[in-house]
Amino acid sequence: MSAEEMVQIRLEDRCYPVSKSKLIEQSDYFRALYRSGMREAVRPEVGPEVQQLRGLSAPGLRLVLDFINAGGAREGWGLSEDELAEASVLSEMVEAASFLQVTALLRLLLSHVRLGNCLELYRLAQVYGLPDLQDACLRFMVLRFHQVLCQPQFPLLLSPPQAPGDCSLKQRLREARMRGTPVLVALGDFLGGPLAPHPYQGEPPSMLRYEETTERWFPLANNLPPDLVNVRGYGSAILDNYLFIVGGYRITSQEISAAHSYNPITNEWLQVASMNQKRSNFKLVAVNSKLYAIGGQAVSNVECYNPEQDAWNFVAPLPNPLAEFSACECKGKIYVIGGYTTRGE
């Protein structure tokens, strides 16, 4: 039984051993080289076979060769999730994998898109012309749009449109989130009555969706988070296809400032930044990709939530504290209608 034939890959003054058969199997670059009949493909009569590479980083090449030596398998490759989130590691590895045309490794990255690396992988996919990876990153960013907006690297990718009719990355993601069939969702305690879900088993659900074809309500797989149970007088609004539940009061305690968002695409709740002011019985309005919490019980101030910063800031207040009023958005402006002041006017 003969020993496996090895090739030494030389980069600058270092050599990296790799199985020749696995190298040919995994790298389109070396497969084409060995089939070409070029001088570099001829094995020397004396000494180990050496292939010279230039222009790559040593860490990136090492990661790619480790993947090749592992036979193109994720198991035994040795790259951790933390390393997959480091921009420098990803950049050097994708550069080497693209140069050596190790398509199995580039395909593997499609299933390793995470919040910590999606922006860097998207940038690399643009640089090295990897449409499948670019599409995978876009799909991931659409799913977690607001979380992606908060990443410090996101503004770096917001280059202006290159031609009339083009749109920015932010606009593409926002528009993609709005595709699909609109669904009516109800929140609350549904023990019976017209909104009783069908079928109904076990604990009563706290979130229902309405199916128009059957004219019935069905429970969603994900209920309200514990922090929102027994909360009343909260503000609610839709922004970028997220449902926001903000503020309110608990039956057993005082007003709260907590804020949560529900992502219908992933069926997940996420706690976001709390308001600066505890408030209940107020109005929450979405305007120009931001949320505005207006007034409240004996409160006249107004706060604005920016999902790109995950932060609330005070803006111009109401002239007077106002109760039992309505508010809406029209053409980028907020209209406050009706209600009465603390003086009963």
C-alpha atoms as a PDB file:
ATOM      1  CA  MET A   1       0.000   0.000   0.000  1.00  0.00           C
ATOM      2  CA  SER A   2       1.622   3.232  -1.159  1.00  0.00           C
ATOM      3  CA  ALA A   3       1.765   6.397   0.974  1.00  0.00           C
ATOM      4  CA  GLU A   4      -0.391   9.338  -0.009  1.00  0.00           C
ATOM      5  CA  GLU A   5       1.424  11.665  -2.402  1.00  0.00           C
ATOM      6  CA  MET A   6       1.951  15.110  -0.920  1.00  0.00           C
ATOM      7  CA  VAL A   7       2.624  18.505  -2.474  1.00  0.00           C
ATOM      8  CA  GLN A   8       4.361  21.400  -0.774  1.00  0.00           C
ATOM      9  CA  ILE A   9       2.608  24.736  -1.338  1.00  0.00           C
ATOM     10  CA  ARG A  10       5.183  27.498  -0.954  1.00  0.00           C
ATOM     11  CA  LEU A  11       4.168  31.024  -0.011  1.00  0.00           C
ATOM     12  CA  GLU A  12       7.084  33.380   0.533  1.00  0.00           C
ATOM     13  CA  ASP A  13       9.490  31.472   2.810  1.00  0.00           C
ATOM     14  CA  ARG A  14       7.045  28.893   4.192  1.00  0.00           C
ATOM     15  CA  CYS A  15       5.792  25.581   2.841  1.00  0.00           C
ATOM     16  CA  TYR A  16       2.457  23.927   3.594  1.00  0.00           C
ATOM     17  CA  PRO A  17       1.980  20.186   2.933  1.00  0.00           C
ATOM     18  CA  VAL A  18      -1.261  19.115   1.295  1.00  0.00           C
ATOM     19  CA  SER A  19      -2.543  15.877  -0.233  1.00  0.00           C
ATOM     20  CA  LYS A  20      -2.118  16.046  -4.005  1.00  0.00           C
ATOM     21  CA  SER A  21      -5.228  13.995  -4.707  1.00  0.00           C
ATOM     22  CA  LYS A  22      -7.349  16.180  -2.402  1.00  0.00           C
ATOM     23  CA  LEU A  23      -5.798  19.318  -3.867  1.00  0.00           C
ATOM     24  CA  ILE A  24      -6.829  18.273  -7.372  1.00  0.00           C
ATOM     25  CA  GLU A  25     -10.258  17.218  -6.136  1.00  0.00           C
ATOM     26  CA  GLN A  26     -11.068  20.426  -4.220  1.00  0.00           C
ATOM     27  CA  SER A  27      -9.235  23.174  -6.143  1.00  0.00           C
ATOM     28  CA  ASP A  28     -10.337  24.005  -9.685  1.00  0.00           C
ATOM     29  CA  TYR A  29      -7.144  26.058 -10.006  1.00  0.00           C
ATOM     30  CA  PHE A  30      -4.817  23.119  -9.363  1.00  0.00           C
ATOM     31  CA  ARG A  31      -7.011  20.674 -11.264  1.00  0.00           C
ATOM     32  CA  ALA A  32      -6.678  22.838 -14.360  1.00  0.00           C
ATOM     33  CA  LEU A  33      -2.946  23.245 -13.721  1.00  0.00           C
ATOM     34  CA  TYR A  34      -2.252  19.508 -13.540  1.00  0.00           C
ATOM     35  CA  ARG A  35      -4.354  18.806 -16.602  1.00  0.00           C
ATOM     36  CA  SER A  36      -2.676  21.534 -18.627  1.00  0.00           C
ATOM     37  CA  GLY A  37       0.645  19.759 -19.112  1.00  0.00           C
ATOM     38  CA  MET A  38       2.496  22.934 -18.203  1.00  0.00           C
ATOM     39  CA  ARG A  39       5.991  22.819 -16.755  1.00  0.00           C
ATOM     40  CA  GLU A  40       4.647  23.568 -13.269  1.00  0.00           C
ATOM     41  CA  ALA A  41       2.515  20.402 -13.418  1.00  0.00           C
ATOM     42  CA  VAL A  42       5.479  18.045 -13.983  1.00  0.00           C
ATOM     43  CA  ARG A  43       6.699  16.281 -10.853  1.00  0.00           C
ATOM     44  CA  PRO A  44      10.451  16.702 -10.248  1.00  0.00           C
ATOM     45  CA  GLU A  45      12.577  13.553 -10.395  1.00  0.00           C
ATOM     46  CA  VAL A  46      14.326  14.379  -7.133  1.00  0.00           C
ATOM     47  CA  GLY A  47      12.885  15.925  -3.980  1.00  0.00           C
ATOM     48  CA  PRO A  48       9.352  16.910  -3.014  1.00  0.00           C
ATOM     49  CA  GLU A  49       6.976  18.530  -5.442  1.00  0.00           C
ATOM     50  CA  VAL A  50       6.637  22.252  -4.704  1.00  0.00           C
ATOM     51  CA  GLN A  51       4.022  24.653  -6.041  1.00  0.00           C
ATOM     52  CA  GLN A  52       4.785  28.365  -5.673  1.00  0.00           C
ATOM     53  CA  LEU A  53       2.015  30.844  -4.857  1.00  0.00           C
ATOM     54  CA  ARG A  54       2.213  34.608  -4.530  1.00  0.00           C
ATOM     55  CA  GLY A  55      -0.013  37.442  -3.389  1.00  0.00           C
ATOM     56  CA  LEU A  56      -2.022  35.542  -0.763  1.00  0.00           C
ATOM     57  CA  SER A  57      -1.926  35.861   3.011  1.00  0.00           C
ATOM     58  CA  ALA A  58      -0.444  32.999   4.996  1.00  0.00           C
ATOM     59  CA  PRO A  59      -3.385  32.682   7.448  1.00  0.00           C
ATOM     60  CA  GLY A  60      -5.927  32.615   4.620  1.00  0.00           C
ATOM     61  CA  LEU A  61      -3.976  30.013   2.653  1.00  0.00           C
ATOM     62  CA  ARG A  62      -3.518  27.853   5.745  1.00  0.00           C
ATOM     63  CA  LEU A  63      -7.280  27.824   6.400  1.00  0.00           C
ATOM     64  CA  VAL A  64      -8.051  26.838   2.814  1.00  0.00           C
ATOM     65  CA  LEU A  65      -5.404  24.092   2.779  1.00  0.00           C
ATOM     66  CA  ASP A  66      -6.701  22.771   6.108  1.00  0.00           C
ATOM     67  CA  PHE A  67     -10.139  22.544   4.504  1.00  0.00           C
ATOM     68  CA  ILE A  68      -8.670  20.707   1.506  1.00  0.00           C
ATOM     69  CA  ASN A  69      -6.728  18.285   3.726  1.00  0.00           C
ATOM     70  CA  ALA A  70      -9.968  17.601   5.602  1.00  0.00           C
ATOM     71  CA  GLY A  71     -11.444  16.427   2.306  1.00  0.00           C
ATOM     72  CA  GLY A  72     -13.805  19.368   1.985  1.00  0.00           C
ATOM     73  CA  ALA A  73     -15.646  18.447   5.187  1.00  0.00           C
ATOM     74  CA  ARG A  74     -16.699  20.920   7.862  1.00  0.00           C
ATOM     75  CA  GLU A  75     -15.863  18.342  10.515  1.00  0.00           C
ATOM     76  CA  GLY A  76     -12.151  18.317  11.204  1.00  0.00           C
ATOM     77  CA  TRP A  77     -11.614  21.683   9.568  1.00  0.00           C
ATOM     78  CA  GLY A  78     -11.103  23.446  12.911  1.00  0.00           C
ATOM     79  CA  LEU A  79     -12.543  26.902  12.157  1.00  0.00           C
ATOM     80  CA  SER A  80     -14.655  28.130  15.078  1.00  0.00           C
ATOM     81  CA  GLU A  81     -17.762  30.314  14.996  1.00  0.00           C
ATOM     82  CA  ASP A  82     -15.739  33.133  16.574  1.00  0.00           C
ATOM     83  CA  GLU A  83     -13.189  32.970  13.744  1.00  0.00           C
ATOM     84  CA  LEU A  84     -16.009  32.968  11.191  1.00  0.00           C
ATOM     85  CA  ALA A  85     -17.108  36.313  12.655  1.00  0.00           C
ATOM     86  CA  GLU A  86     -13.686  38.000  12.353  1.00  0.00           C
ATOM     87  CA  ALA A  87     -13.489  40.256   9.318  1.00  0.00           C
ATOM     88  CA  SER A  88      -9.740  39.749   8.781  1.00  0.00           C
ATOM     89  CA  VAL A  89     -10.065  35.952   8.922  1.00  0.00           C
ATOM     90  CA  LEU A  90     -12.966  35.945   6.481  1.00  0.00           C
ATOM     91  CA  SER A  91     -11.277  38.363   4.106  1.00  0.00           C
ATOM     92  CA  GLU A  92      -8.042  36.367   3.891  1.00  0.00           C
ATOM     93  CA  MET A  93      -9.838  33.012   3.641  1.00  0.00           C
ATOM     94  CA  VAL A  94     -12.281  34.110   0.921  1.00  0.00           C
ATOM     95  CA  GLU A  95      -9.419  35.693  -1.025  1.00  0.00           C
ATOM     96  CA  ALA A  96      -7.443  32.413  -0.981  1.00  0.00           C
ATOM     97  CA  ALA A  97     -10.515  30.247  -1.676  1.00  0.00           C
ATOM     98  CA  SER A  98     -11.495  32.452  -4.612  1.00  0.00           C
ATOM     99  CA  PHE A  99      -7.974  32.446  -6.066  1.00  0.00           C
ATOM    100  CA  LEU A 100      -7.620  28.658  -5.756  1.00  0.00           C
ATOM    101  CA  GLN A 101     -11.267  28.204  -6.803  1.00  0.00           C
ATOM    102  CA  VAL A 102     -12.186  25.979  -3.874  1.00  0.00           C
ATOM    103  CA  THR A 103     -15.908  26.054  -4.588  1.00  0.00           C
ATOM    104  CA  ALA A 104     -16.827  23.585  -1.834  1.00  0.00           C
ATOM    105  CA  LEU A 105     -15.493  26.002   0.792  1.00  0.00           C
ATOM    106  CA  LEU A 106     -17.279  28.965  -0.783  1.00  0.00           C
ATOM    107  CA  ARG A 107     -20.515  26.948  -0.831  1.00  0.00           C
ATOM    108  CA  LEU A 108     -20.028  26.034   2.819  1.00  0.00           C
ATOM    109  CA  LEU A 109     -20.043  29.704   3.728  1.00  0.00           C
ATOM    110  CA  LEU A 110     -23.641  29.948   2.491  1.00  0.00           C
ATOM    111  CA  SER A 111     -24.783  28.062   5.595  1.00  0.00           C
ATOM    112  CA  HIS A 112     -22.546  30.047   7.955  1.00  0.00           C
ATOM    113  CA  VAL A 113     -23.966  33.544   7.411  1.00  0.00           C
ATOM    114  CA  ARG A 114     -24.472  35.090  10.851  1.00  0.00           C
ATOM    115  CA  LEU A 115     -25.314  38.487  12.284  1.00  0.00           C
ATOM    116  CA  GLY A 116     -21.647  39.039  13.107  1.00  0.00           C
ATOM    117  CA  ASN A 117     -20.339  38.279   9.611  1.00  0.00           C
ATOM    118  CA  CYS A 118     -23.164  38.915   7.108  1.00  0.00           C
ATOM    119  CA  LEU A 119     -21.966  42.406   6.176  1.00  0.00           C
ATOM    120  CA  GLU A 120     -18.352  41.374   5.673  1.00  0.00           C
ATOM    121  CA  LEU A 121     -19.377  38.304   3.659  1.00  0.00           C
ATOM    122  CA  TYR A 122     -21.654  40.492   1.534  1.00  0.00           C
ATOM    123  CA  ARG A 123     -18.762  42.877   0.843  1.00  0.00           C
ATOM    124  CA  LEU A 124     -16.435  39.993  -0.029  1.00  0.00           C
ATOM    125  CA  ALA A 125     -19.060  38.451  -2.308  1.00  0.00           C
ATOM    126  CA  GLN A 126     -19.180  41.727  -4.233  1.00  0.00           C
ATOM    127  CA  VAL A 127     -15.385  42.006  -4.429  1.00  0.00           C
ATOM    128  CA  TYR A 128     -14.785  38.444  -5.655  1.00  0.00           C
ATOM    129  CA  GLY A 129     -17.925  38.017  -7.751  1.00  0.00           C
ATOM    130  CA  LEU A 130     -19.719  35.366  -5.675  1.00  0.00           C
ATOM    131  CA  PRO A 131     -23.437  35.786  -6.505  1.00  0.00           C
ATOM    132  CA  ASP A 132     -24.635  32.798  -4.465  1.00  0.00           C
ATOM    133  CA  LEU A 133     -22.920  34.101  -1.333  1.00  0.00           C
ATOM    134  CA  GLN A 134     -24.215  37.603  -2.000  1.00  0.00           C
ATOM    135  CA  ASP A 135     -27.790  36.304  -2.294  1.00  0.00           C
ATOM    136  CA  ALA A 136     -27.419  34.277   0.921  1.00  0.00           C
ATOM    137  CA  CYS A 137     -26.251  37.389   2.766  1.00  0.00           C
ATOM    138  CA  LEU A 138     -29.112  39.461   1.370  1.00  0.00           C
ATOM    139  CA  ARG A 139     -31.666  36.843   2.472  1.00  0.00           C
ATOM    140  CA  PHE A 140     -30.183  36.793   5.958  1.00  0.00           C
ATOM    141  CA  MET A 141     -30.156  40.596   6.206  1.00  0.00           C
ATOM    142  CA  VAL A 142     -33.780  40.787   5.091  1.00  0.00           C
ATOM    143  CA  LEU A 143     -34.750  38.363   7.874  1.00  0.00           C
ATOM    144  CA  ARG A 144     -32.967  40.441  10.555  1.00  0.00           C
ATOM    145  CA  PHE A 145     -33.131  43.882   9.013  1.00  0.00           C
ATOM    146  CA  HIS A 146     -33.204  46.016  12.160  1.00  0.00           C
ATOM    147  CA  GLN A 147     -30.452  44.017  13.867  1.00  0.00           C
ATOM    148  CA  VAL A 148     -28.306  44.439  10.759  1.00  0.00           C
ATOM    149  CA  LEU A 149     -28.982  48.199  10.695  1.00  0.00           C
ATOM    150  CA  CYS A 150     -27.428  48.472  14.168  1.00  0.00           C
ATOM    151  CA  GLN A 151     -24.155  46.865  13.096  1.00  0.00           C
ATOM    152  CA  PRO A 152     -21.339  49.469  13.021  1.00  0.00           C
ATOM    153  CA  GLN A 153     -20.170  48.206   9.605  1.00  0.00           C
ATOM    154  CA  PHE A 154     -23.542  48.819   7.924  1.00  0.00           C
ATOM    155  CA  PRO A 155     -23.004  52.521   7.050  1.00  0.00           C
ATOM    156  CA  LEU A 156     -19.783  51.558   5.265  1.00  0.00           C
ATOM    157  CA  LEU A 157     -21.785  49.580   2.695  1.00  0.00           C
ATOM    158  CA  LEU A 158     -24.227  52.379   1.923  1.00  0.00           C
ATOM    159  CA  SER A 159     -22.600  53.606  -1.263  1.00  0.00           C
ATOM    160  CA  PRO A 160     -24.835  55.824  -3.419  1.00  0.00           C
ATOM    161  CA  PRO A 161     -26.741  54.193  -6.308  1.00  0.00           C
ATOM    162  CA  GLN A 162     -24.593  53.858  -9.427  1.00  0.00           C
ATOM    163  CA  ALA A 163     -27.303  54.594 -11.987  1.00  0.00           C
ATOM    164  CA  PRO A 164     -30.768  56.181 -12.147  1.00  0.00           C
ATOM    165  CA  GLY A 165     -33.342  53.735 -10.843  1.00  0.00           C
ATOM    166  CA  ASP A 166     -30.851  51.882  -8.647  1.00  0.00           C
ATOM    167  CA  CYS A 167     -31.564  51.787  -4.932  1.00  0.00           C
ATOM    168  CA  SER A 168     -29.340  51.569  -1.887  1.00  0.00           C
ATOM    169  CA  LEU A 169     -28.740  48.391   0.073  1.00  0.00           C
ATOM    170  CA  LYS A 170     -30.947  49.706   2.883  1.00  0.00           C
ATOM    171  CA  GLN A 171     -33.818  50.364   0.482  1.00  0.00           C
ATOM    172  CA  ARG A 172     -33.434  46.936  -1.157  1.00  0.00           C
ATOM    173  CA  LEU A 173     -33.625  45.213   2.228  1.00  0.00           C
ATOM    174  CA  ARG A 174     -36.587  47.307   3.349  1.00  0.00           C
ATOM    175  CA  GLU A 175     -38.532  46.593   0.154  1.00  0.00           C
ATOM    176  CA  ALA A 176     -37.755  42.870   0.358  1.00  0.00           C
ATOM    177  CA  ARG A 177     -39.182  42.721   3.886  1.00  0.00           C
ATOM    178  CA  MET A 178     -42.516  44.004   2.620  1.00  0.00           C
ATOM    179  CA  ARG A 179     -43.006  41.228   0.063  1.00  0.00           C
ATOM    180  CA  GLY A 180     -45.459  38.450   0.755  1.00  0.00           C
ATOM    181  CA  THR A 181     -49.074  38.169   1.808  1.00  0.00           C
ATOM    182  CA  PRO A 182     -50.299  40.558   4.532  1.00  0.00           C
ATOM    183  CA  VAL A 183     -51.615  38.768   7.617  1.00  0.00           C
ATOM    184  CA  LEU A 184     -53.861  40.054  10.394  1.00  0.00           C
ATOM    185  CA  VAL A 185     -52.434  39.315  13.858  1.00  0.00           C
ATOM    186  CA  ALA A 186     -54.233  39.647  17.206  1.00  0.00           C
ATOM    187  CA  LEU A 187     -52.609  39.819  20.657  1.00  0.00           C
ATOM    188  CA  GLY A 188     -54.331  39.148  23.971  1.00  0.00           C
ATOM    189  CA  ASP A 189     -55.959  36.484  26.153  1.00  0.00           C
ATOM    190  CA  PHE A 190     -58.234  34.348  24.002  1.00  0.00           C
ATOM    191  CA  LEU A 191     -60.292  32.112  26.262  1.00  0.00           C
ATOM    192  CA  GLY A 192     -63.348  32.114  24.034  1.00  0.00           C
ATOM    193  CA  GLY A 193     -65.597  34.324  21.976  1.00  0.00           C
ATOM    194  CA  PRO A 194     -65.295  35.266  18.306  1.00  0.00           C
ATOM    195  CA  LEU A 195     -61.490  35.110  18.274  1.00  0.00           C
ATOM    196  CA  ALA A 196     -61.232  31.666  19.859  1.00  0.00           C
ATOM    197  CA  PRO A 197     -58.622  29.865  17.723  1.00  0.00           C
ATOM    198  CA  HIS A 198     -59.249  26.734  15.736  1.00  0.00           C
ATOM    199  CA  PRO A 199     -58.022  24.150  16.554  1.00  0.00           C
ATOM    200  CA  TYR A 200     -57.694  24.860  20.297  1.00  0.00           C
ATOM    201  CA  GLN A 201     -55.767  22.610  22.688  1.00  0.00           C
ATOM    202  CA  GLY A 202     -53.826  23.164  25.904  1.00  0.00           C
ATOM    203  CA  GLU A 203     -52.937  26.624  27.218  1.00  0.00           C
ATOM    204  CA  PRO A 204     -54.756  29.524  25.537  1.00  0.00           C
ATOM    205  CA  PRO A 205     -52.500  31.237  22.978  1.00  0.00           C
ATOM    206  CA  SER A 206     -51.675  34.924  23.226  1.00  0.00           C
ATOM    207  CA  MET A 207     -51.020  35.491  19.498  1.00  0.00           C
ATOM    208  CA  LEU A 208     -53.393  34.628  16.670  1.00  0.00           C
ATOM    209  CA  ARG A 209     -53.287  34.985  12.899  1.00  0.00           C
ATOM    210  CA  TYR A 210     -56.354  35.242  10.686  1.00  0.00           C
ATOM    211  CA  GLU A 211     -56.687  32.995   7.640  1.00  0.00           C
ATOM    212  CA  GLU A 212     -58.963  34.602   5.083  1.00  0.00           C
ATOM    213  CA  THR A 213     -59.666  31.461   3.068  1.00  0.00           C
ATOM    214  CA  THR A 214     -61.174  29.609   6.056  1.00  0.00           C
ATOM    215  CA  GLU A 215     -62.282  32.752   7.931  1.00  0.00           C
ATOM    216  CA  ARG A 216     -60.752  31.359  11.113  1.00  0.00           C
ATOM    217  CA  TRP A 217     -58.149  32.364  13.667  1.00  0.00           C
ATOM    218  CA  PHE A 218     -55.155  30.117  14.262  1.00  0.00           C
ATOM    219  CA  PRO A 219     -52.517  30.308  17.017  1.00  0.00           C
ATOM    220  CA  LEU A 220     -49.037  31.402  16.057  1.00  0.00           C
ATOM    221  CA  ALA A 221     -46.184  29.111  17.027  1.00  0.00           C
ATOM    222  CA  ASN A 222     -44.606  31.822  19.180  1.00  0.00           C
ATOM    223  CA  ASN A 223     -46.505  33.430  22.062  1.00  0.00           C
ATOM    224  CA  LEU A 224     -45.881  36.763  23.746  1.00  0.00           C
ATOM    225  CA  PRO A 225     -42.633  36.940  25.728  1.00  0.00           C
ATOM    226  CA  PRO A 226     -43.098  36.715  29.521  1.00  0.00           C
ATOM    227  CA  ASP A 227     -42.339  40.439  29.930  1.00  0.00           C
ATOM    228  CA  LEU A 228     -45.455  41.322  27.934  1.00  0.00           C
ATOM    229  CA  VAL A 229     -47.925  39.073  29.750  1.00  0.00           C
ATOM    230  CA  ASN A 230     -50.601  41.073  31.598  1.00  0.00           C
ATOM    231  CA  VAL A 231     -49.419  44.382  30.116  1.00  0.00           C
ATOM    232  CA  ARG A 232     -52.178  46.868  29.278  1.00  0.00           C
ATOM    233  CA  GLY A 233     -52.294  50.354  27.795  1.00  0.00           C
ATOM    234  CA  TYR A 234     -49.265  49.812  25.556  1.00  0.00           C
ATOM    235  CA  GLY A 235     -48.504  51.487  22.232  1.00  0.00           C
ATOM    236  CA  SER A 236     -48.298  49.418  19.067  1.00  0.00           C
ATOM    237  CA  ALA A 237     -47.138  50.162  15.534  1.00  0.00           C
ATOM    238  CA  ILE A 238     -45.765  48.484  12.428  1.00  0.00           C
ATOM    239  CA  LEU A 239     -42.340  49.550  11.146  1.00  0.00           C
ATOM    240  CA  ASP A 240     -40.468  47.747   8.351  1.00  0.00           C
ATOM    241  CA  ASN A 241     -42.729  44.708   8.830  1.00  0.00           C
ATOM    242  CA  TYR A 242     -41.913  44.497  12.533  1.00  0.00           C
ATOM    243  CA  LEU A 243     -44.658  44.754  15.141  1.00  0.00           C
ATOM    244  CA  PHE A 244     -43.585  46.970  18.053  1.00  0.00           C
ATOM    245  CA  ILE A 245     -45.163  46.752  21.502  1.00  0.00           C
ATOM    246  CA  VAL A 246     -43.948  49.606  23.703  1.00  0.00           C
ATOM    247  CA  GLY A 247     -44.637  50.830  27.234  1.00  0.00           C
ATOM    248  CA  GLY A 248     -47.941  50.301  29.028  1.00  0.00           C
ATOM    249  CA  TYR A 249     -48.609  49.185  32.576  1.00  0.00           C
ATOM    250  CA  ARG A 250     -48.845  45.884  34.423  1.00  0.00           C
ATOM    251  CA  ILE A 251     -51.924  45.110  36.452  1.00  0.00           C
ATOM    252  CA  THR A 252     -49.795  44.445  39.519  1.00  0.00           C
ATOM    253  CA  SER A 253     -47.358  47.348  39.154  1.00  0.00           C
ATOM    254  CA  GLN A 254     -46.741  50.779  37.672  1.00  0.00           C
ATOM    255  CA  GLU A 255     -46.070  52.005  34.150  1.00  0.00           C
ATOM    256  CA  ILE A 256     -43.186  50.532  32.179  1.00  0.00           C
ATOM    257  CA  SER A 257     -40.811  51.789  29.492  1.00  0.00           C
ATOM    258  CA  ALA A 258     -39.835  48.454  27.929  1.00  0.00           C
ATOM    259  CA  ALA A 259     -40.062  47.938  24.159  1.00  0.00           C
ATOM    260  CA  HIS A 260     -40.273  44.717  22.142  1.00  0.00           C
ATOM    261  CA  SER A 261     -40.444  43.962  18.435  1.00  0.00           C
ATOM    262  CA  TYR A 262     -41.980  40.919  16.761  1.00  0.00           C
ATOM    263  CA  ASN A 263     -40.422  39.691  13.533  1.00  0.00           C
ATOM    264  CA  PRO A 264     -43.114  37.789  11.580  1.00  0.00           C
ATOM    265  CA  ILE A 265     -40.600  36.421   9.080  1.00  0.00           C
ATOM    266  CA  THR A 266     -38.628  34.572  11.764  1.00  0.00           C
ATOM    267  CA  ASN A 267     -41.532  34.347  14.250  1.00  0.00           C
ATOM    268  CA  GLU A 268     -39.316  35.792  16.986  1.00  0.00           C
ATOM    269  CA  TRP A 269     -39.634  38.471  19.659  1.00  0.00           C
ATOM    270  CA  LEU A 270     -36.691  40.730  20.424  1.00  0.00           C
ATOM    271  CA  GLN A 271     -36.356  43.201  23.275  1.00  0.00           C
ATOM    272  CA  VAL A 272     -35.099  46.548  21.991  1.00  0.00           C
ATOM    273  CA  ALA A 273     -34.023  49.691  23.820  1.00  0.00           C
ATOM    274  CA  SER A 274     -36.449  50.952  26.456  1.00  0.00           C
ATOM    275  CA  MET A 275     -37.936  54.441  26.304  1.00  0.00           C
ATOM    276  CA  ASN A 276     -36.497  57.155  28.512  1.00  0.00           C
ATOM    277  CA  GLN A 277     -39.961  57.867  29.940  1.00  0.00           C
ATOM    278  CA  LYS A 278     -42.323  55.294  31.407  1.00  0.00           C
ATOM    279  CA  ARG A 279     -45.719  55.813  29.803  1.00  0.00           C
ATOM    280  CA  SER A 280     -49.082  54.177  29.164  1.00  0.00           C
ATOM    281  CA  ASN A 281     -52.233  55.006  27.191  1.00  0.00           C
ATOM    282  CA  PHE A 282     -50.173  56.876  24.621  1.00  0.00           C
ATOM    283  CA  LYS A 283     -49.913  56.704  20.851  1.00  0.00           C
ATOM    284  CA  LEU A 284     -47.098  55.023  18.911  1.00  0.00           C
ATOM    285  CA  VAL A 285     -46.763  56.190  15.291  1.00  0.00           C
ATOM    286  CA  ALA A 286     -44.348  55.119  12.534  1.00  0.00           C
ATOM    287  CA  VAL A 287     -43.051  58.006  10.407  1.00  0.00           C
ATOM    288  CA  ASN A 288     -40.145  58.030   7.929  1.00  0.00           C
ATOM    289  CA  SER A 289     -38.618  54.753   9.199  1.00  0.00           C
ATOM    290  CA  LYS A 290     -38.787  55.839  12.862  1.00  0.00           C
ATOM    291  CA  LEU A 291     -41.215  55.437  15.746  1.00  0.00           C
ATOM    292  CA  TYR A 292     -42.709  58.239  17.808  1.00  0.00           C
ATOM    293  CA  ALA A 293     -44.124  57.667  21.303  1.00  0.00           C
ATOM    294  CA  ILE A 294     -46.531  60.546  21.867  1.00  0.00           C
ATOM    295  CA  GLY A 295     -47.720  61.678  25.274  1.00  0.00           C
ATOM    296  CA  GLY A 296     -49.306  59.301  27.744  1.00  0.00           C
ATOM    297  CA  GLN A 297     -51.091  59.432  31.054  1.00  0.00           C
ATOM    298  CA  ALA A 298     -50.326  62.989  32.310  1.00  0.00           C
ATOM    299  CA  VAL A 299     -47.251  63.113  30.018  1.00  0.00           C
ATOM    300  CA  SER A 300     -46.625  65.705  27.318  1.00  0.00           C
ATOM    301  CA  ASN A 301     -43.167  64.695  26.054  1.00  0.00           C
ATOM    302  CA  VAL A 302     -42.528  62.794  22.814  1.00  0.00           C
ATOM    303  CA  GLU A 303     -39.768  60.304  22.097  1.00  0.00           C
ATOM    304  CA  CYS A 304     -38.375  59.096  18.766  1.00  0.00           C
ATOM    305  CA  TYR A 305     -36.980  55.587  18.229  1.00  0.00           C
ATOM    306  CA  ASN A 306     -34.324  55.098  15.554  1.00  0.00           C
ATOM    307  CA  PRO A 307     -33.849  51.388  14.701  1.00  0.00           C
ATOM    308  CA  GLU A 308     -30.429  52.121  13.193  1.00  0.00           C
ATOM    309  CA  GLN A 309     -29.183  53.181  16.627  1.00  0.00           C
ATOM    310  CA  ASP A 310     -31.598  51.130  18.757  1.00  0.00           C
ATOM    311  CA  ALA A 311     -32.137  54.246  20.865  1.00  0.00           C
ATOM    312  CA  TRP A 312     -34.875  56.664  21.937  1.00  0.00           C
ATOM    313  CA  ASN A 313     -34.415  60.441  22.003  1.00  0.00           C
ATOM    314  CA  PHE A 314     -36.738  63.207  23.137  1.00  0.00           C
ATOM    315  CA  VAL A 315     -38.111  65.471  20.403  1.00  0.00           C
ATOM    316  CA  ALA A 316     -40.530  68.431  20.428  1.00  0.00           C
ATOM    317  CA  PRO A 317     -43.196  67.826  23.123  1.00  0.00           C
ATOM    318  CA  LEU A 318     -46.938  68.313  22.955  1.00  0.00           C
ATOM    319  CA  PRO A 319     -48.090  71.816  24.005  1.00  0.00           C
ATOM    320  CA  ASN A 320     -49.928  70.264  26.970  1.00  0.00           C
ATOM    321  CA  PRO A 321     -50.441  66.792  28.482  1.00  0.00           C
ATOM    322  CA  LEU A 322     -53.253  65.174  26.534  1.00  0.00           C
ATOM    323  CA  ALA A 323     -55.417  62.125  27.209  1.00  0.00           C
ATOM    324  CA  GLU A 324     -57.767  59.981  25.107  1.00  0.00           C
ATOM    325  CA  PHE A 325     -56.504  61.432  21.817  1.00  0.00           C
ATOM    326  CA  SER A 326     -55.888  59.908  18.415  1.00  0.00           C
ATOM    327  CA  ALA A 327     -52.748  60.264  16.288  1.00  0.00           C
ATOM    328  CA  CYS A 328     -51.826  59.290  12.760  1.00  0.00           C
ATOM    329  CA  GLU A 329     -49.215  59.861  10.055  1.00  0.00           C
ATOM    330  CA  CYS A 330     -49.902  61.535   6.724  1.00  0.00           C
ATOM    331  CA  LYS A 331     -47.231  62.463   4.172  1.00  0.00           C
ATOM    332  CA  GLY A 332     -44.434  62.414   6.713  1.00  0.00           C
ATOM    333  CA  LYS A 333     -46.238  64.449   9.375  1.00  0.00           C
ATOM    334  CA  ILE A 334     -47.869  63.418  12.662  1.00  0.00           C
ATOM    335  CA  TYR A 335     -51.415  64.613  13.339  1.00  0.00           C
ATOM    336  CA  VAL A 336     -52.759  64.584  16.902  1.00  0.00           C
ATOM    337  CA  ILE A 337     -56.537  64.726  17.027  1.00  0.00           C
ATOM    338  CA  GLY A 338     -59.054  65.230  19.828  1.00  0.00           C
ATOM    339  CA  GLY A 339     -58.562  64.289  23.460  1.00  0.00           C
ATOM    340  CA  TYR A 340     -58.664  66.422  26.582  1.00  0.00           C
ATOM    341  CA  THR A 341     -56.114  68.110  28.812  1.00  0.00           C
ATOM    342  CA  THR A 342     -55.587  67.610  32.526  1.00  0.00           C
ATOM    343  CA  ARG A 343     -57.770  70.705  33.050  1.00  0.00           C
ATOM    344  CA  GLY A 344     -60.640  68.879  31.432  1.00  0.00           C
ATOM    345  CA  GLU A 345     -60.650  70.994  28.266  1.00  0.00           C
END
